[in-house]
Amino acid sequence: MHRFVTTAGLAALLGGCAAVDMPDVEATHPDWVEERLEAGVEDRAAPRTVPDRTLPRGEGAEMDAQARRLLERRDELNAEAEDREGQDTPSSASDFVNEGQARTTPPQNPQR
């Protein structure tokens, strides 16, 4: 019985594989590509050259100088932030609450 099931299963598997259509080996493009080629969409001429876009004279050096100034300013701000972190002393909880209340108190409307 075991051999019969194995043989029948193998036959069904081989029959199923034979029934499935194999992809065409000669096909190099999907159908939509073939349709576009037949429609002549790809008949556009390529440009002779790629446009060359260069910066005006001196603009590259100016951009480099601006980048250097920006990096220097970043370093200054980072150093200033590190100094502030070192100078701040932890405040007490009551100081924190008092500062928060002063910041969140809405302005009073003048009496008319």
PDB file of N, CA and C in Angstrom:
ATOM      1  N   MET A   1       0.826  -1.189   0.000  1.00  0.00           N
ATOM      2  CA  MET A   1       0.000   0.000   0.000  1.00  0.00           C
ATOM      3  C   MET A   1       0.875   1.258   0.000  1.00  0.00           C
ATOM      4  N   HIS A   2       1.950   1.208   0.763  1.00  0.00           N
ATOM      5  CA  HIS A   2       2.838   2.365   0.857  1.00  0.00           C
ATOM      6  C   HIS A   2       3.454   2.682  -0.505  1.00  0.00           C
ATOM      7  N   ARG A   3       3.855   1.627  -1.241  1.00  0.00           N
ATOM      8  CA  ARG A   3       4.444   1.846  -2.564  1.00  0.00           C
ATOM      9  C   ARG A   3       3.414   2.429  -3.532  1.00  0.00           C
ATOM     10  N   PHE A   4       2.179   2.002  -3.419  1.00  0.00           N
ATOM     11  CA  PHE A   4       1.131   2.512  -4.298  1.00  0.00           C
ATOM     12  C   PHE A   4       0.920   4.012  -4.073  1.00  0.00           C
ATOM     13  N   VAL A   5       0.862   4.427  -2.801  1.00  0.00           N
ATOM     14  CA  VAL A   5       0.657   5.847  -2.473  1.00  0.00           C
ATOM     15  C   VAL A   5       1.847   6.661  -2.964  1.00  0.00           C
ATOM     16  N   THR A   6       3.055   6.139  -2.767  1.00  0.00           N
ATOM     17  CA  THR A   6       4.249   6.848  -3.212  1.00  0.00           C
ATOM     18  C   THR A   6       4.253   6.970  -4.732  1.00  0.00           C
ATOM     19  N   THR A   7       3.945   5.896  -5.427  1.00  0.00           N
ATOM     20  CA  THR A   7       3.934   5.912  -6.889  1.00  0.00           C
ATOM     21  C   THR A   7       2.839   6.840  -7.416  1.00  0.00           C
ATOM     22  N   ALA A   8       1.674   6.791  -6.816  1.00  0.00           N
ATOM     23  CA  ALA A   8       0.569   7.657  -7.250  1.00  0.00           C
ATOM     24  C   ALA A   8       0.899   9.125  -6.977  1.00  0.00           C
ATOM     25  N   GLY A   9       1.487   9.397  -5.830  1.00  0.00           N
ATOM     26  CA  GLY A   9       1.866  10.776  -5.498  1.00  0.00           C
ATOM     27  C   GLY A   9       2.925  11.302  -6.443  1.00  0.00           C
ATOM     28  N   LEU A  10       3.912  10.479  -6.759  1.00  0.00           N
ATOM     29  CA  LEU A  10       4.971  10.881  -7.679  1.00  0.00           C
ATOM     30  C   LEU A  10       4.404  11.116  -9.076  1.00  0.00           C
ATOM     31  N   ALA A  11       3.500  10.254  -9.509  1.00  0.00           N
ATOM     32  CA  ALA A  11       2.873  10.425 -10.824  1.00  0.00           C
ATOM     33  C   ALA A  11       2.052  11.709 -10.868  1.00  0.00           C
ATOM     34  N   ALA A  12       1.321  12.004  -9.803  1.00  0.00           N
ATOM     35  CA  ALA A  12       0.524  13.233  -9.753  1.00  0.00           C
ATOM     36  C   ALA A  12       1.430  14.462  -9.764  1.00  0.00           C
ATOM     37  N   LEU A  13       2.528  14.399  -9.047  1.00  0.00           N
ATOM     38  CA  LEU A  13       3.470  15.514  -9.007  1.00  0.00           C
ATOM     39  C   LEU A  13       4.075  15.758 -10.380  1.00  0.00           C
ATOM     40  N   LEU A  14       4.533  14.709 -11.036  1.00  0.00           N
ATOM     41  CA  LEU A  14       5.115  14.858 -12.368  1.00  0.00           C
ATOM     42  C   LEU A  14       4.075  15.322 -13.380  1.00  0.00           C
ATOM     43  N   GLY A  15       2.853  14.825 -13.268  1.00  0.00           N
ATOM     44  CA  GLY A  15       1.783  15.264 -14.162  1.00  0.00           C
ATOM     45  C   GLY A  15       1.449  16.728 -13.956  1.00  0.00           C
ATOM     46  N   GLY A  16       1.450  17.175 -12.708  1.00  0.00           N
ATOM     47  CA  GLY A  16       1.183  18.587 -12.417  1.00  0.00           C
ATOM     48  C   GLY A  16       2.277  19.487 -12.953  1.00  0.00           C
ATOM     49  N   CYS A  17       3.516  19.059 -12.828  1.00  0.00           N
ATOM     50  CA  CYS A  17       4.632  19.856 -13.340  1.00  0.00           C
ATOM     51  C   CYS A  17       4.587  19.927 -14.860  1.00  0.00           C
ATOM     52  N   ALA A  18       4.164  18.862 -15.504  1.00  0.00           N
ATOM     53  CA  ALA A  18       4.099  18.851 -16.964  1.00  0.00           C
ATOM     54  C   ALA A  18       2.960  19.722 -17.470  1.00  0.00           C
ATOM     55  N   ALA A  19       1.917  19.909 -16.683  1.00  0.00           N
ATOM     56  CA  ALA A  19       0.762  20.692 -17.112  1.00  0.00           C
ATOM     57  C   ALA A  19       1.006  22.191 -17.014  1.00  0.00           C
ATOM     58  N   VAL A  20       1.957  22.632 -16.212  1.00  0.00           N
ATOM     59  CA  VAL A  20       2.226  24.060 -16.021  1.00  0.00           C
ATOM     60  C   VAL A  20       3.033  24.572 -17.204  1.00  0.00           C
ATOM     61  N   ASP A  21       2.621  25.704 -17.762  1.00  0.00           N
ATOM     62  CA  ASP A  21       3.365  26.303 -18.870  1.00  0.00           C
ATOM     63  C   ASP A  21       4.673  26.878 -18.359  1.00  0.00           C
ATOM     64  N   MET A  22       5.723  26.564 -19.041  1.00  0.00           N
ATOM     65  CA  MET A  22       7.036  27.096 -18.695  1.00  0.00           C
ATOM     66  C   MET A  22       7.190  28.464 -19.343  1.00  0.00           C
ATOM     67  N   PRO A  23       7.906  29.374 -18.698  1.00  0.00           N
ATOM     68  CA  PRO A  23       8.122  30.684 -19.320  1.00  0.00           C
ATOM     69  C   PRO A  23       8.961  30.537 -20.584  1.00  0.00           C
ATOM     70  N   ASP A  24       8.695  31.409 -21.535  1.00  0.00           N
ATOM     71  CA  ASP A  24       9.404  31.375 -22.808  1.00  0.00           C
ATOM     72  C   ASP A  24      10.831  31.860 -22.596  1.00  0.00           C
ATOM     73  N   VAL A  25      11.777  31.034 -22.928  1.00  0.00           N
ATOM     74  CA  VAL A  25      13.187  31.374 -22.721  1.00  0.00           C
ATOM     75  C   VAL A  25      13.623  32.461 -23.686  1.00  0.00           C
ATOM     76  N   GLU A  26      13.005  32.518 -24.858  1.00  0.00           N
ATOM     77  CA  GLU A  26      13.397  33.483 -25.879  1.00  0.00           C
ATOM     78  C   GLU A  26      12.896  34.893 -25.573  1.00  0.00           C
ATOM     79  N   ALA A  27      11.918  35.030 -24.686  1.00  0.00           N
ATOM     80  CA  ALA A  27      11.368  36.351 -24.383  1.00  0.00           C
ATOM     81  C   ALA A  27      12.389  37.148 -23.589  1.00  0.00           C
ATOM     82  N   THR A  28      12.768  38.312 -24.120  1.00  0.00           N
ATOM     83  CA  THR A  28      13.741  39.154 -23.433  1.00  0.00           C
ATOM     84  C   THR A  28      13.081  40.337 -22.755  1.00  0.00           C
ATOM     85  N   HIS A  29      11.875  40.696 -23.191  1.00  0.00           N
ATOM     86  CA  HIS A  29      11.176  41.846 -22.625  1.00  0.00           C
ATOM     87  C   HIS A  29       9.772  41.426 -22.210  1.00  0.00           C
ATOM     88  N   PRO A  30       9.218  42.080 -21.197  1.00  0.00           N
ATOM     89  CA  PRO A  30       7.806  41.849 -20.877  1.00  0.00           C
ATOM     90  C   PRO A  30       6.917  42.333 -22.028  1.00  0.00           C
ATOM     91  N   ASP A  31       5.668  41.930 -22.006  1.00  0.00           N
ATOM     92  CA  ASP A  31       4.742  42.283 -23.086  1.00  0.00           C
ATOM     93  C   ASP A  31       4.579  43.784 -23.247  1.00  0.00           C
ATOM     94  N   TRP A  32       4.515  44.521 -22.137  1.00  0.00           N
ATOM     95  CA  TRP A  32       4.303  45.957 -22.254  1.00  0.00           C
ATOM     96  C   TRP A  32       5.486  46.633 -22.925  1.00  0.00           C
ATOM     97  N   VAL A  33       6.687  46.085 -22.769  1.00  0.00           N
ATOM     98  CA  VAL A  33       7.853  46.660 -23.440  1.00  0.00           C
ATOM     99  C   VAL A  33       7.747  46.415 -24.938  1.00  0.00           C
ATOM    100  N   GLU A  34       7.348  45.208 -25.299  1.00  0.00           N
ATOM    101  CA  GLU A  34       7.181  44.889 -26.721  1.00  0.00           C
ATOM    102  C   GLU A  34       6.128  45.804 -27.351  1.00  0.00           C
ATOM    103  N   GLU A  35       5.028  46.067 -26.634  1.00  0.00           N
ATOM    104  CA  GLU A  35       3.981  46.942 -27.162  1.00  0.00           C
ATOM    105  C   GLU A  35       4.499  48.356 -27.376  1.00  0.00           C
ATOM    106  N   ARG A  36       5.290  48.855 -26.453  1.00  0.00           N
ATOM    107  CA  ARG A  36       5.843  50.206 -26.610  1.00  0.00           C
ATOM    108  C   ARG A  36       6.819  50.266 -27.770  1.00  0.00           C
ATOM    109  N   LEU A  37       7.624  49.233 -27.927  1.00  0.00           N
ATOM    110  CA  LEU A  37       8.562  49.214 -29.044  1.00  0.00           C
ATOM    111  C   LEU A  37       7.820  49.164 -30.376  1.00  0.00           C
ATOM    112  N   GLU A  38       6.752  48.383 -30.443  1.00  0.00           N
ATOM    113  CA  GLU A  38       5.960  48.305 -31.668  1.00  0.00           C
ATOM    114  C   GLU A  38       5.252  49.617 -31.956  1.00  0.00           C
ATOM    115  N   ALA A  39       4.843  50.342 -30.903  1.00  0.00           N
ATOM    116  CA  ALA A  39       4.148  51.614 -31.084  1.00  0.00           C
ATOM    117  C   ALA A  39       5.110  52.730 -31.464  1.00  0.00           C
ATOM    118  N   GLY A  40       6.402  52.495 -31.358  1.00  0.00           N
ATOM    119  CA  GLY A  40       7.385  53.502 -31.743  1.00  0.00           C
ATOM    120  C   GLY A  40       7.656  54.532 -30.680  1.00  0.00           C
ATOM    121  N   VAL A  41       7.332  54.230 -29.449  1.00  0.00           N
ATOM    122  CA  VAL A  41       7.554  55.189 -28.371  1.00  0.00           C
ATOM    123  C   VAL A  41       9.043  55.410 -28.144  1.00  0.00           C
ATOM    124  N   GLU A  42       9.830  54.411 -28.405  1.00  0.00           N
ATOM    125  CA  GLU A  42      11.265  54.503 -28.126  1.00  0.00           C
ATOM    126  C   GLU A  42      12.060  55.078 -29.290  1.00  0.00           C
ATOM    127  N   ASP A  43      11.386  55.714 -30.250  1.00  0.00           N
ATOM    128  CA  ASP A  43      12.094  56.288 -31.388  1.00  0.00           C
ATOM    129  C   ASP A  43      12.648  57.672 -31.095  1.00  0.00           C
ATOM    130  N   ARG A  44      12.585  58.098 -29.874  1.00  0.00           N
ATOM    131  CA  ARG A  44      13.113  59.413 -29.533  1.00  0.00           C
ATOM    132  C   ARG A  44      14.624  59.405 -29.671  1.00  0.00           C
ATOM    133  N   ALA A  45      15.151  60.483 -30.180  1.00  0.00           N
ATOM    134  CA  ALA A  45      16.605  60.594 -30.327  1.00  0.00           C
ATOM    135  C   ALA A  45      17.213  61.030 -29.000  1.00  0.00           C
ATOM    136  N   ALA A  46      18.336  60.466 -28.698  1.00  0.00           N
ATOM    137  CA  ALA A  46      19.041  60.843 -27.475  1.00  0.00           C
ATOM    138  C   ALA A  46      19.705  62.200 -27.680  1.00  0.00           C
ATOM    139  N   PRO A  47      19.867  62.981 -26.618  1.00  0.00           N
ATOM    140  CA  PRO A  47      20.553  64.267 -26.781  1.00  0.00           C
ATOM    141  C   PRO A  47      22.008  64.042 -27.184  1.00  0.00           C
ATOM    142  N   ARG A  48      22.553  65.017 -27.909  1.00  0.00           N
ATOM    143  CA  ARG A  48      23.936  64.882 -28.359  1.00  0.00           C
ATOM    144  C   ARG A  48      24.905  64.892 -27.185  1.00  0.00           C
ATOM    145  N   THR A  49      24.657  65.772 -26.242  1.00  0.00           N
ATOM    146  CA  THR A  49      25.517  65.844 -25.057  1.00  0.00           C
ATOM    147  C   THR A  49      24.648  66.067 -23.836  1.00  0.00           C
ATOM    148  N   VAL A  50      25.208  65.766 -22.709  1.00  0.00           N
ATOM    149  CA  VAL A  50      24.556  66.064 -21.446  1.00  0.00           C
ATOM    150  C   VAL A  50      24.888  67.511 -21.117  1.00  0.00           C
ATOM    151  N   PRO A  51      23.884  68.319 -20.772  1.00  0.00           N
ATOM    152  CA  PRO A  51      24.178  69.729 -20.481  1.00  0.00           C
ATOM    153  C   PRO A  51      25.193  69.856 -19.348  1.00  0.00           C
ATOM    154  N   ASP A  52      26.143  70.737 -19.556  1.00  0.00           N
ATOM    155  CA  ASP A  52      27.186  70.966 -18.563  1.00  0.00           C
ATOM    156  C   ASP A  52      26.805  72.195 -17.761  1.00  0.00           C
ATOM    157  N   ARG A  53      26.610  71.994 -16.475  1.00  0.00           N
ATOM    158  CA  ARG A  53      26.229  73.114 -15.622  1.00  0.00           C
ATOM    159  C   ARG A  53      27.374  73.376 -14.662  1.00  0.00           C
ATOM    160  N   THR A  54      28.003  74.481 -14.836  1.00  0.00           N
ATOM    161  CA  THR A  54      29.117  74.845 -13.968  1.00  0.00           C
ATOM    162  C   THR A  54      28.740  76.085 -13.180  1.00  0.00           C
ATOM    163  N   LEU A  55      29.410  76.254 -12.064  1.00  0.00           N
ATOM    164  CA  LEU A  55      29.193  77.439 -11.241  1.00  0.00           C
ATOM    165  C   LEU A  55      29.901  78.630 -11.870  1.00  0.00           C
ATOM    166  N   PRO A  56      29.339  79.813 -11.689  1.00  0.00           N
ATOM    167  CA  PRO A  56      30.052  81.003 -12.163  1.00  0.00           C
ATOM    168  C   PRO A  56      31.392  81.133 -11.451  1.00  0.00           C
ATOM    169  N   ARG A  57      32.307  81.832 -12.081  1.00  0.00           N
ATOM    170  CA  ARG A  57      33.657  81.987 -11.555  1.00  0.00           C
ATOM    171  C   ARG A  57      33.614  82.593 -10.147  1.00  0.00           C
ATOM    172  N   GLY A  58      34.265  81.946  -9.206  1.00  0.00           N
ATOM    173  CA  GLY A  58      34.356  82.437  -7.840  1.00  0.00           C
ATOM    174  C   GLY A  58      33.233  81.968  -6.926  1.00  0.00           C
ATOM    175  N   GLU A  59      32.145  81.457  -7.479  1.00  0.00           N
ATOM    176  CA  GLU A  59      31.030  81.038  -6.631  1.00  0.00           C
ATOM    177  C   GLU A  59      31.375  79.790  -5.826  1.00  0.00           C
ATOM    178  N   GLY A  60      32.160  78.898  -6.400  1.00  0.00           N
ATOM    179  CA  GLY A  60      32.575  77.696  -5.675  1.00  0.00           C
ATOM    180  C   GLY A  60      33.417  78.045  -4.463  1.00  0.00           C
ATOM    181  N   ALA A  61      34.347  78.991  -4.639  1.00  0.00           N
ATOM    182  CA  ALA A  61      35.188  79.417  -3.519  1.00  0.00           C
ATOM    183  C   ALA A  61      34.346  80.096  -2.449  1.00  0.00           C
ATOM    184  N   GLU A  62      33.354  80.887  -2.869  1.00  0.00           N
ATOM    185  CA  GLU A  62      32.473  81.559  -1.909  1.00  0.00           C
ATOM    186  C   GLU A  62      31.644  80.538  -1.135  1.00  0.00           C
ATOM    187  N   MET A  63      31.170  79.501  -1.817  1.00  0.00           N
ATOM    188  CA  MET A  63      30.415  78.460  -1.128  1.00  0.00           C
ATOM    189  C   MET A  63      31.297  77.720  -0.127  1.00  0.00           C
ATOM    190  N   ASP A  64      32.550  77.467  -0.493  1.00  0.00           N
ATOM    191  CA  ASP A  64      33.475  76.820   0.436  1.00  0.00           C
ATOM    192  C   ASP A  64      33.720  77.693   1.658  1.00  0.00           C
ATOM    193  N   ALA A  65      33.876  79.003   1.443  1.00  0.00           N
ATOM    194  CA  ALA A  65      34.109  79.922   2.559  1.00  0.00           C
ATOM    195  C   ALA A  65      32.889  79.959   3.478  1.00  0.00           C
ATOM    196  N   GLN A  66      31.692  79.973   2.902  1.00  0.00           N
ATOM    197  CA  GLN A  66      30.482  79.965   3.720  1.00  0.00           C
ATOM    198  C   GLN A  66      30.376  78.676   4.527  1.00  0.00           C
ATOM    199  N   ALA A  67      30.752  77.569   3.918  1.00  0.00           N
ATOM    200  CA  ALA A  67      30.713  76.296   4.641  1.00  0.00           C
ATOM    201  C   ALA A  67      31.702  76.305   5.796  1.00  0.00           C
ATOM    202  N   ARG A  68      32.891  76.870   5.572  1.00  0.00           N
ATOM    203  CA  ARG A  68      33.879  76.956   6.662  1.00  0.00           C
ATOM    204  C   ARG A  68      33.357  77.830   7.796  1.00  0.00           C
ATOM    205  N   ARG A  69      32.738  78.993   7.446  1.00  0.00           N
ATOM    206  CA  ARG A  69      32.181  79.866   8.485  1.00  0.00           C
ATOM    207  C   ARG A  69      31.074  79.152   9.254  1.00  0.00           C
ATOM    208  N   LEU A  70      30.266  78.405   8.555  1.00  0.00           N
ATOM    209  CA  LEU A  70      29.188  77.666   9.205  1.00  0.00           C
ATOM    210  C   LEU A  70      29.742  76.614  10.161  1.00  0.00           C
ATOM    211  N   LEU A  71      30.771  75.894   9.745  1.00  0.00           N
ATOM    212  CA  LEU A  71      31.381  74.890  10.616  1.00  0.00           C
ATOM    213  C   LEU A  71      32.040  75.531  11.834  1.00  0.00           C
ATOM    214  N   GLU A  72      32.678  76.684  11.632  1.00  0.00           N
ATOM    215  CA  GLU A  72      33.279  77.393  12.769  1.00  0.00           C
ATOM    216  C   GLU A  72      32.203  77.834  13.753  1.00  0.00           C
ATOM    217  N   ARG A  73      31.090  78.350  13.243  1.00  0.00           N
ATOM    218  CA  ARG A  73      29.992  78.790  14.113  1.00  0.00           C
ATOM    219  C   ARG A  73      29.407  77.604  14.871  1.00  0.00           C
ATOM    220  N   ARG A  74      29.287  76.458  14.195  1.00  0.00           N
ATOM    221  CA  ARG A  74      28.797  75.255  14.867  1.00  0.00           C
ATOM    222  C   ARG A  74      29.724  74.867  16.008  1.00  0.00           C
ATOM    223  N   ASP A  75      31.036  74.913  15.761  1.00  0.00           N
ATOM    224  CA  ASP A  75      31.990  74.569  16.809  1.00  0.00           C
ATOM    225  C   ASP A  75      31.895  75.539  17.986  1.00  0.00           C
ATOM    226  N   GLU A  76      31.707  76.846  17.686  1.00  0.00           N
ATOM    227  CA  GLU A  76      31.560  77.835  18.756  1.00  0.00           C
ATOM    228  C   GLU A  76      30.319  77.544  19.596  1.00  0.00           C
ATOM    229  N   LEU A  77      29.208  77.250  18.930  1.00  0.00           N
ATOM    230  CA  LEU A  77      27.969  76.971  19.661  1.00  0.00           C
ATOM    231  C   LEU A  77      28.077  75.694  20.486  1.00  0.00           C
ATOM    232  N   ASN A  78      28.742  74.684  19.939  1.00  0.00           N
ATOM    233  CA  ASN A  78      28.932  73.451  20.704  1.00  0.00           C
ATOM    234  C   ASN A  78      29.798  73.693  21.933  1.00  0.00           C
ATOM    235  N   ALA A  79      30.855  74.501  21.785  1.00  0.00           N
ATOM    236  CA  ALA A  79      31.713  74.814  22.927  1.00  0.00           C
ATOM    237  C   ALA A  79      30.936  75.609  23.972  1.00  0.00           C
ATOM    238  N   GLU A  80      30.111  76.557  23.514  1.00  0.00           N
ATOM    239  CA  GLU A  80      29.305  77.353  24.442  1.00  0.00           C
ATOM    240  C   GLU A  80      28.311  76.469  25.192  1.00  0.00           C
ATOM    241  N   ALA A  81      27.710  75.520  24.499  1.00  0.00           N
ATOM    242  CA  ALA A  81      26.761  74.611  25.145  1.00  0.00           C
ATOM    243  C   ALA A  81      27.465  73.740  26.175  1.00  0.00           C
ATOM    244  N   GLU A  82      28.667  73.282  25.864  1.00  0.00           N
ATOM    245  CA  GLU A  82      29.421  72.475  26.830  1.00  0.00           C
ATOM    246  C   GLU A  82      29.789  73.292  28.060  1.00  0.00           C
ATOM    247  N   ASP A  83      30.148  74.575  27.857  1.00  0.00           N
ATOM    248  CA  ASP A  83      30.463  75.438  28.995  1.00  0.00           C
ATOM    249  C   ASP A  83      29.240  75.641  29.882  1.00  0.00           C
ATOM    250  N   ARG A  84      28.087  75.842  29.265  1.00  0.00           N
ATOM    251  CA  ARG A  84      26.868  76.044  30.050  1.00  0.00           C
ATOM    252  C   ARG A  84      26.500  74.798  30.834  1.00  0.00           C
ATOM    253  N   GLU A  85      26.714  73.640  30.248  1.00  0.00           N
ATOM    254  CA  GLU A  85      26.407  72.403  30.963  1.00  0.00           C
ATOM    255  C   GLU A  85      27.284  72.262  32.194  1.00  0.00           C
ATOM    256  N   GLY A  86      28.523  72.691  32.096  1.00  0.00           N
ATOM    257  CA  GLY A  86      29.435  72.589  33.229  1.00  0.00           C
ATOM    258  C   GLY A  86      29.136  73.612  34.309  1.00  0.00           C
ATOM    259  N   GLN A  87      28.589  74.774  33.949  1.00  0.00           N
ATOM    260  CA  GLN A  87      28.350  75.841  34.917  1.00  0.00           C
ATOM    261  C   GLN A  87      27.046  75.657  35.678  1.00  0.00           C
ATOM    262  N   ASP A  88      26.083  75.051  35.067  1.00  0.00           N
ATOM    263  CA  ASP A  88      24.781  74.907  35.721  1.00  0.00           C
ATOM    264  C   ASP A  88      24.899  74.008  36.942  1.00  0.00           C
ATOM    265  N   THR A  89      24.394  74.541  38.061  1.00  0.00           N
ATOM    266  CA  THR A  89      24.339  73.733  39.272  1.00  0.00           C
ATOM    267  C   THR A  89      22.913  73.239  39.418  1.00  0.00           C
ATOM    268  N   PRO A  90      22.751  72.038  39.861  1.00  0.00           N
ATOM    269  CA  PRO A  90      21.387  71.540  40.009  1.00  0.00           C
ATOM    270  C   PRO A  90      20.621  72.370  41.036  1.00  0.00           C
ATOM    271  N   SER A  91      19.419  72.772  40.664  1.00  0.00           N
ATOM    272  CA  SER A  91      18.605  73.565  41.583  1.00  0.00           C
ATOM    273  C   SER A  91      17.712  72.632  42.385  1.00  0.00           C
ATOM    274  N   SER A  92      17.176  73.174  43.439  1.00  0.00           N
ATOM    275  CA  SER A  92      16.292  72.362  44.268  1.00  0.00           C
ATOM    276  C   SER A  92      14.926  72.257  43.591  1.00  0.00           C
ATOM    277  N   ALA A  93      14.121  71.366  44.072  1.00  0.00           N
ATOM    278  CA  ALA A  93      12.796  71.166  43.493  1.00  0.00           C
ATOM    279  C   ALA A  93      11.932  72.406  43.671  1.00  0.00           C
ATOM    280  N   SER A  94      12.062  73.076  44.805  1.00  0.00           N
ATOM    281  CA  SER A  94      11.238  74.272  45.030  1.00  0.00           C
ATOM    282  C   SER A  94      11.648  75.394  44.077  1.00  0.00           C
ATOM    283  N   ASP A  95      12.965  75.540  43.805  1.00  0.00           N
ATOM    284  CA  ASP A  95      13.397  76.550  42.834  1.00  0.00           C
ATOM    285  C   ASP A  95      12.819  76.241  41.452  1.00  0.00           C
ATOM    286  N   PHE A  96      12.823  74.988  41.096  1.00  0.00           N
ATOM    287  CA  PHE A  96      12.286  74.578  39.799  1.00  0.00           C
ATOM    288  C   PHE A  96      10.800  74.920  39.692  1.00  0.00           C
ATOM    289  N   VAL A  97      10.041  74.639  40.750  1.00  0.00           N
ATOM    290  CA  VAL A  97       8.606  74.926  40.749  1.00  0.00           C
ATOM    291  C   VAL A  97       8.372  76.421  40.676  1.00  0.00           C
ATOM    292  N   ASN A  98       9.130  77.215  41.444  1.00  0.00           N
ATOM    293  CA  ASN A  98       8.954  78.669  41.433  1.00  0.00           C
ATOM    294  C   ASN A  98       9.264  79.253  40.057  1.00  0.00           C
ATOM    295  N   GLU A  99      10.331  78.777  39.421  1.00  0.00           N
ATOM    296  CA  GLU A  99      10.671  79.264  38.085  1.00  0.00           C
ATOM    297  C   GLU A  99       9.581  78.880  37.085  1.00  0.00           C
ATOM    298  N   GLY A 100       9.056  77.679  37.213  1.00  0.00           N
ATOM    299  CA  GLY A 100       7.996  77.238  36.312  1.00  0.00           C
ATOM    300  C   GLY A 100       6.730  78.042  36.488  1.00  0.00           C
ATOM    301  N   GLN A 101       6.386  78.373  37.734  1.00  0.00           N
ATOM    302  CA  GLN A 101       5.184  79.169  37.967  1.00  0.00           C
ATOM    303  C   GLN A 101       5.350  80.571  37.407  1.00  0.00           C
ATOM    304  N   ALA A 102       6.543  81.127  37.540  1.00  0.00           N
ATOM    305  CA  ALA A 102       6.774  82.473  37.013  1.00  0.00           C
ATOM    306  C   ALA A 102       6.658  82.472  35.484  1.00  0.00           C
ATOM    307  N   ARG A 103       7.102  81.402  34.853  1.00  0.00           N
ATOM    308  CA  ARG A 103       7.036  81.336  33.387  1.00  0.00           C
ATOM    309  C   ARG A 103       5.616  81.085  32.894  1.00  0.00           C
ATOM    310  N   THR A 104       4.812  80.380  33.673  1.00  0.00           N
ATOM    311  CA  THR A 104       3.482  80.002  33.189  1.00  0.00           C
ATOM    312  C   THR A 104       2.369  80.910  33.676  1.00  0.00           C
ATOM    313  N   THR A 105       2.674  81.913  34.468  1.00  0.00           N
ATOM    314  CA  THR A 105       1.638  82.833  34.933  1.00  0.00           C
ATOM    315  C   THR A 105       1.193  83.696  33.762  1.00  0.00           C
ATOM    316  N   PRO A 106      -0.091  83.688  33.426  1.00  0.00           N
ATOM    317  CA  PRO A 106      -0.551  84.497  32.289  1.00  0.00           C
ATOM    318  C   PRO A 106      -0.521  85.979  32.642  1.00  0.00           C
ATOM    319  N   PRO A 107      -0.353  86.818  31.650  1.00  0.00           N
ATOM    320  CA  PRO A 107      -0.357  88.260  31.926  1.00  0.00           C
ATOM    321  C   PRO A 107      -1.745  88.706  32.379  1.00  0.00           C
ATOM    322  N   GLN A 108      -1.762  89.683  33.259  1.00  0.00           N
ATOM    323  CA  GLN A 108      -3.020  90.189  33.796  1.00  0.00           C
ATOM    324  C   GLN A 108      -3.590  91.231  32.843  1.00  0.00           C
ATOM    325  N   ASN A 109      -4.900  91.155  32.601  1.00  0.00           N
ATOM    326  CA  ASN A 109      -5.556  92.147  31.755  1.00  0.00           C
ATOM    327  C   ASN A 109      -5.740  93.432  32.549  1.00  0.00           C
ATOM    328  N   PRO A 110      -5.461  94.569  31.931  1.00  0.00           N
ATOM    329  CA  PRO A 110      -5.666  95.835  32.661  1.00  0.00           C
ATOM    330  C   PRO A 110      -7.158  96.067  32.913  1.00  0.00           C
ATOM    331  N   GLN A 111      -7.462  96.613  34.075  1.00  0.00           N
ATOM    332  CA  GLN A 111      -8.847  96.901  34.459  1.00  0.00           C
ATOM    333  C   GLN A 111      -9.333  98.121  33.692  1.00  0.00           C
ATOM    334  N   ARG A 112     -10.548  98.057  33.200  1.00  0.00           N
ATOM    335  CA  ARG A 112     -11.102  99.204  32.464  1.00  0.00           C
ATOM    336  C   ARG A 112     -12.028  99.977  33.308  1.00  0.00           C
TER     337      ARG A 112
END
